[in-house]
N, C-alpha and C. Protein backbone atom coordinates (compact mmCIF):
# COMPACT_ATOMS: atom_id res chain seq x y z
N MET A 1 94.43 35.72 109.62
CA MET A 1 93.82 36.76 110.41
C MET A 1 94.60 38.05 110.20
N ILE A 2 93.91 39.13 109.87
CA ILE A 2 94.53 40.43 109.70
C ILE A 2 94.32 41.22 110.99
N VAL A 3 95.42 41.71 111.54
CA VAL A 3 95.37 42.42 112.81
C VAL A 3 96.19 43.69 112.68
N ASP A 4 95.67 44.79 113.20
CA ASP A 4 96.49 46.00 113.15
C ASP A 4 97.49 45.99 114.30
N ASN A 5 98.54 46.79 114.14
CA ASN A 5 99.63 46.80 115.12
C ASN A 5 99.19 47.21 116.52
N GLN A 6 98.26 48.16 116.62
CA GLN A 6 97.79 48.59 117.94
C GLN A 6 97.10 47.45 118.67
N GLN A 7 96.27 46.72 117.94
CA GLN A 7 95.57 45.59 118.54
C GLN A 7 96.55 44.49 118.95
N LEU A 8 97.54 44.23 118.09
CA LEU A 8 98.54 43.22 118.39
C LEU A 8 99.39 43.65 119.58
N GLN A 9 99.75 44.93 119.64
CA GLN A 9 100.52 45.44 120.78
C GLN A 9 99.74 45.26 122.08
N ALA A 10 98.47 45.66 122.07
CA ALA A 10 97.64 45.56 123.29
C ALA A 10 97.46 44.10 123.71
N SER A 11 97.23 43.22 122.76
CA SER A 11 97.05 41.81 123.10
C SER A 11 98.34 41.18 123.59
N THR A 12 99.48 41.59 123.03
CA THR A 12 100.77 41.07 123.49
C THR A 12 101.07 41.59 124.89
N GLU A 13 100.72 42.84 125.18
CA GLU A 13 100.88 43.37 126.53
C GLU A 13 100.04 42.56 127.52
N ALA A 14 98.82 42.21 127.15
CA ALA A 14 97.97 41.41 128.04
C ALA A 14 98.59 40.02 128.26
N TYR A 15 99.13 39.42 127.21
CA TYR A 15 99.82 38.14 127.32
C TYR A 15 101.00 38.27 128.30
N LEU A 16 101.80 39.32 128.13
CA LEU A 16 102.96 39.51 129.01
C LEU A 16 102.54 39.74 130.45
N GLU A 17 101.47 40.48 130.66
CA GLU A 17 100.96 40.67 132.02
C GLU A 17 100.62 39.34 132.65
N SER A 18 100.02 38.43 131.88
CA SER A 18 99.68 37.12 132.45
C SER A 18 100.95 36.33 132.77
N VAL A 19 101.97 36.45 131.95
CA VAL A 19 103.24 35.77 132.22
C VAL A 19 103.88 36.33 133.49
N VAL A 20 103.85 37.65 133.65
CA VAL A 20 104.42 38.28 134.86
C VAL A 20 103.63 37.85 136.09
N LEU A 21 102.30 37.81 135.98
CA LEU A 21 101.48 37.37 137.13
C LEU A 21 101.79 35.92 137.51
N GLU A 22 102.04 35.06 136.51
CA GLU A 22 102.46 33.69 136.80
C GLU A 22 103.75 33.70 137.61
N ALA A 23 104.69 34.54 137.21
CA ALA A 23 105.97 34.63 137.92
C ALA A 23 105.75 35.13 139.35
N PHE A 24 104.83 36.08 139.53
CA PHE A 24 104.51 36.57 140.87
C PHE A 24 104.05 35.41 141.75
N GLU A 25 103.18 34.56 141.20
CA GLU A 25 102.62 33.44 141.96
C GLU A 25 103.68 32.40 142.30
N GLU A 26 104.68 32.26 141.43
CA GLU A 26 105.72 31.26 141.63
C GLU A 26 106.89 31.76 142.48
N ALA A 27 106.91 33.04 142.78
CA ALA A 27 108.00 33.60 143.59
C ALA A 27 107.94 33.01 144.99
N ASP A 28 109.07 33.03 145.66
CA ASP A 28 109.13 32.50 147.03
C ASP A 28 109.67 33.57 147.96
N PRO A 29 108.82 34.21 148.74
CA PRO A 29 107.36 34.03 148.83
C PRO A 29 106.67 34.67 147.64
N PRO A 30 105.43 34.24 147.35
CA PRO A 30 104.70 34.82 146.22
C PRO A 30 104.55 36.33 146.38
N LEU A 31 104.65 37.05 145.26
CA LEU A 31 104.46 38.50 145.28
C LEU A 31 102.98 38.80 145.08
N ASP A 32 102.48 39.75 145.82
CA ASP A 32 101.08 40.15 145.69
C ASP A 32 101.02 41.33 144.73
N PRO A 33 100.33 41.19 143.59
CA PRO A 33 100.23 42.30 142.64
C PRO A 33 99.66 43.56 143.26
N ALA A 34 98.85 43.43 144.32
CA ALA A 34 98.29 44.60 144.98
C ALA A 34 99.37 45.44 145.66
N ASP A 35 100.49 44.81 145.98
CA ASP A 35 101.59 45.52 146.65
C ASP A 35 102.55 46.18 145.68
N HIS A 36 102.35 45.99 144.38
CA HIS A 36 103.27 46.52 143.38
C HIS A 36 102.48 47.21 142.28
N PRO A 37 102.99 48.35 141.79
CA PRO A 37 102.30 48.98 140.66
C PRO A 37 102.32 48.03 139.47
N PHE A 38 101.24 47.99 138.73
CA PHE A 38 101.19 47.03 137.63
C PHE A 38 100.49 47.65 136.44
N ASP A 39 101.28 48.21 135.54
CA ASP A 39 100.76 48.67 134.27
C ASP A 39 101.86 48.54 133.23
N ALA A 40 101.51 48.76 131.99
CA ALA A 40 102.41 48.45 130.89
C ALA A 40 103.67 49.31 130.85
N ASP A 41 103.64 50.50 131.44
CA ASP A 41 104.83 51.34 131.36
C ASP A 41 105.61 51.44 132.67
N THR A 42 105.25 50.65 133.67
CA THR A 42 106.01 50.60 134.92
C THR A 42 107.23 49.70 134.72
N PRO A 43 108.42 50.17 135.09
CA PRO A 43 109.62 49.34 134.94
C PRO A 43 109.49 48.04 135.74
N PHE A 44 110.05 46.96 135.18
CA PHE A 44 110.00 45.66 135.84
C PHE A 44 110.54 45.74 137.26
N ARG A 45 111.59 46.52 137.49
CA ARG A 45 112.19 46.60 138.83
C ARG A 45 111.18 47.13 139.85
N ASP A 46 110.24 47.98 139.39
CA ASP A 46 109.23 48.53 140.30
C ASP A 46 108.16 47.51 140.65
N PHE A 47 108.07 46.42 139.88
CA PHE A 47 107.14 45.33 140.19
C PHE A 47 107.67 44.49 141.34
N GLY A 48 108.96 44.65 141.66
CA GLY A 48 109.59 43.78 142.65
C GLY A 48 110.20 42.56 142.00
N ILE A 49 110.41 42.62 140.69
CA ILE A 49 110.98 41.49 139.97
C ILE A 49 112.49 41.52 140.09
N ASP A 50 113.04 40.44 140.64
CA ASP A 50 114.49 40.33 140.79
C ASP A 50 115.06 39.50 139.64
N SER A 51 116.38 39.30 139.65
CA SER A 51 117.02 38.58 138.54
C SER A 51 116.53 37.15 138.43
N PHE A 52 116.18 36.51 139.54
CA PHE A 52 115.64 35.16 139.50
C PHE A 52 114.31 35.13 138.74
N LEU A 53 113.44 36.09 139.04
CA LEU A 53 112.15 36.14 138.34
C LEU A 53 112.32 36.53 136.88
N VAL A 54 113.30 37.40 136.58
CA VAL A 54 113.58 37.74 135.19
C VAL A 54 113.92 36.47 134.42
N LEU A 55 114.76 35.62 135.01
CA LEU A 55 115.14 34.36 134.36
C LEU A 55 113.92 33.46 134.17
N LYS A 56 113.06 33.34 135.18
CA LYS A 56 111.85 32.51 135.06
C LYS A 56 110.94 33.04 133.95
N ILE A 57 110.79 34.36 133.89
CA ILE A 57 109.94 34.95 132.86
C ILE A 57 110.54 34.70 131.48
N LEU A 58 111.84 34.87 131.35
CA LEU A 58 112.50 34.65 130.07
C LEU A 58 112.35 33.19 129.61
N ILE A 59 112.54 32.26 130.52
CA ILE A 59 112.37 30.84 130.19
C ILE A 59 110.94 30.59 129.73
N ARG A 60 109.98 31.19 130.42
CA ARG A 60 108.56 31.04 130.05
C ARG A 60 108.30 31.61 128.66
N LEU A 61 108.86 32.79 128.37
CA LEU A 61 108.67 33.40 127.05
C LEU A 61 109.30 32.56 125.95
N GLU A 62 110.45 31.95 126.25
CA GLU A 62 111.13 31.14 125.25
C GLU A 62 110.34 29.90 124.88
N ARG A 63 109.47 29.43 125.75
CA ARG A 63 108.61 28.29 125.40
C ARG A 63 107.66 28.66 124.27
N ASP A 64 107.26 29.91 124.19
CA ASP A 64 106.37 30.37 123.14
C ASP A 64 107.11 30.98 121.95
N PHE A 65 108.18 31.71 122.21
CA PHE A 65 108.86 32.48 121.16
C PHE A 65 110.16 31.87 120.67
N GLY A 66 110.63 30.81 121.30
CA GLY A 66 111.93 30.26 120.93
C GLY A 66 113.03 31.05 121.64
N THR A 67 114.24 30.84 121.22
CA THR A 67 115.39 31.48 121.87
C THR A 67 115.29 33.00 121.78
N LEU A 68 115.48 33.63 122.92
CA LEU A 68 115.45 35.10 123.02
C LEU A 68 116.75 35.57 123.67
N PRO A 69 117.13 36.83 123.44
CA PRO A 69 118.34 37.35 124.08
C PRO A 69 118.21 37.29 125.61
N LYS A 70 119.26 36.87 126.28
CA LYS A 70 119.24 36.76 127.74
C LYS A 70 119.10 38.13 128.40
N THR A 71 119.46 39.17 127.68
CA THR A 71 119.37 40.54 128.21
C THR A 71 118.05 41.23 127.86
N LEU A 72 117.12 40.48 127.30
CA LEU A 72 115.88 41.04 126.78
C LEU A 72 115.16 41.95 127.77
N MET A 73 114.99 41.51 129.00
CA MET A 73 114.22 42.30 129.97
C MET A 73 115.03 43.43 130.59
N PHE A 74 116.32 43.46 130.31
CA PHE A 74 117.14 44.59 130.74
C PHE A 74 117.19 45.65 129.64
N GLU A 75 117.03 45.21 128.40
CA GLU A 75 116.99 46.13 127.26
C GLU A 75 115.61 46.74 127.06
N HIS A 76 114.58 45.96 127.37
CA HIS A 76 113.18 46.39 127.24
C HIS A 76 112.61 46.31 128.65
N THR A 77 112.58 47.44 129.34
CA THR A 77 112.44 47.45 130.79
C THR A 77 111.02 47.49 131.33
N ASN A 78 110.02 47.42 130.44
CA ASN A 78 108.65 47.35 130.92
C ASN A 78 107.81 46.53 129.93
N ILE A 79 106.59 46.25 130.30
CA ILE A 79 105.73 45.41 129.46
C ILE A 79 105.50 46.04 128.10
N GLN A 80 105.30 47.34 128.06
CA GLN A 80 105.04 48.03 126.80
C GLN A 80 106.23 47.89 125.84
N GLU A 81 107.45 48.12 126.33
CA GLU A 81 108.64 48.00 125.49
C GLU A 81 108.88 46.55 125.06
N LEU A 82 108.69 45.62 125.98
CA LEU A 82 108.90 44.22 125.67
C LEU A 82 107.88 43.74 124.63
N ALA A 83 106.64 44.16 124.78
CA ALA A 83 105.61 43.81 123.79
C ALA A 83 105.96 44.39 122.42
N ALA A 84 106.43 45.63 122.39
CA ALA A 84 106.81 46.25 121.11
C ALA A 84 107.95 45.47 120.45
N TYR A 85 108.91 45.02 121.25
CA TYR A 85 110.00 44.20 120.70
C TYR A 85 109.45 42.90 120.12
N LEU A 86 108.61 42.20 120.88
CA LEU A 86 108.08 40.91 120.42
C LEU A 86 107.22 41.08 119.17
N VAL A 87 106.40 42.12 119.13
CA VAL A 87 105.56 42.39 117.97
C VAL A 87 106.43 42.73 116.76
N GLY A 88 107.49 43.50 116.97
CA GLY A 88 108.36 43.89 115.86
C GLY A 88 109.27 42.78 115.38
N SER A 89 109.77 41.96 116.30
CA SER A 89 110.75 40.92 115.95
C SER A 89 110.12 39.55 115.69
N HIS A 90 108.96 39.30 116.28
CA HIS A 90 108.30 37.99 116.17
C HIS A 90 106.79 38.19 115.96
N PRO A 91 106.39 38.90 114.91
CA PRO A 91 104.97 39.24 114.77
C PRO A 91 104.03 38.03 114.65
N GLU A 92 104.46 37.00 113.92
CA GLU A 92 103.59 35.83 113.76
C GLU A 92 103.39 35.11 115.09
N THR A 93 104.47 34.94 115.82
CA THR A 93 104.37 34.26 117.12
C THR A 93 103.58 35.11 118.10
N ALA A 94 103.82 36.43 118.09
CA ALA A 94 103.07 37.32 118.98
C ALA A 94 101.57 37.21 118.70
N ALA A 95 101.20 37.17 117.43
CA ALA A 95 99.79 37.03 117.08
C ALA A 95 99.25 35.68 117.53
N ALA A 96 100.04 34.63 117.36
CA ALA A 96 99.59 33.30 117.77
C ALA A 96 99.35 33.23 119.26
N VAL A 97 100.29 33.72 120.07
CA VAL A 97 100.11 33.62 121.52
C VAL A 97 99.07 34.60 122.03
N ALA A 98 98.94 35.74 121.38
CA ALA A 98 98.00 36.76 121.85
C ALA A 98 96.56 36.48 121.42
N PHE A 99 96.38 35.90 120.24
CA PHE A 99 95.03 35.74 119.70
C PHE A 99 94.58 34.29 119.59
N ASP A 100 95.47 33.41 119.21
CA ASP A 100 95.07 32.03 118.95
C ASP A 100 95.12 31.15 120.17
N GLY A 101 95.66 31.68 121.26
CA GLY A 101 95.73 30.90 122.48
C GLY A 101 96.79 29.81 122.45
N ARG A 102 97.71 29.90 121.49
CA ARG A 102 98.77 28.91 121.41
C ARG A 102 99.86 29.25 122.41
N VAL A 103 99.50 29.27 123.65
CA VAL A 103 100.45 29.57 124.71
C VAL A 103 100.75 28.28 125.42
N SER A 104 102.02 28.03 125.67
CA SER A 104 102.42 26.81 126.38
C SER A 104 101.91 26.85 127.80
N PRO A 105 101.60 25.70 128.38
CA PRO A 105 101.16 25.69 129.78
C PRO A 105 102.28 26.17 130.70
N ALA A 106 101.93 26.74 131.81
CA ALA A 106 102.92 27.25 132.77
C ALA A 106 103.75 26.10 133.32
N VAL A 107 104.98 26.44 133.71
CA VAL A 107 105.89 25.43 134.29
C VAL A 107 105.40 25.04 135.66
């Protein structure tokens, strides 16, 4: 499958949004996306994501992408930046999870 970078970036952002929403649902108490700004360029901290949720999200991403830097979400502070990193560093895997549906089931 031939995919341009813009399409891959947008699809990876959508994948990441779904991963973040899963983390919202698993939070204790669950976070309501309506109570937090939610777009690709909003910093993770503005979503209400704490270090515990960062760890859950990272573990979830590692199921699809393999080992990732533990500081990943501190270095790439929003969905747009994180997607750009994944597309640039793991393009084949990003395409697989974004387009082929090869996403691991949620924990």
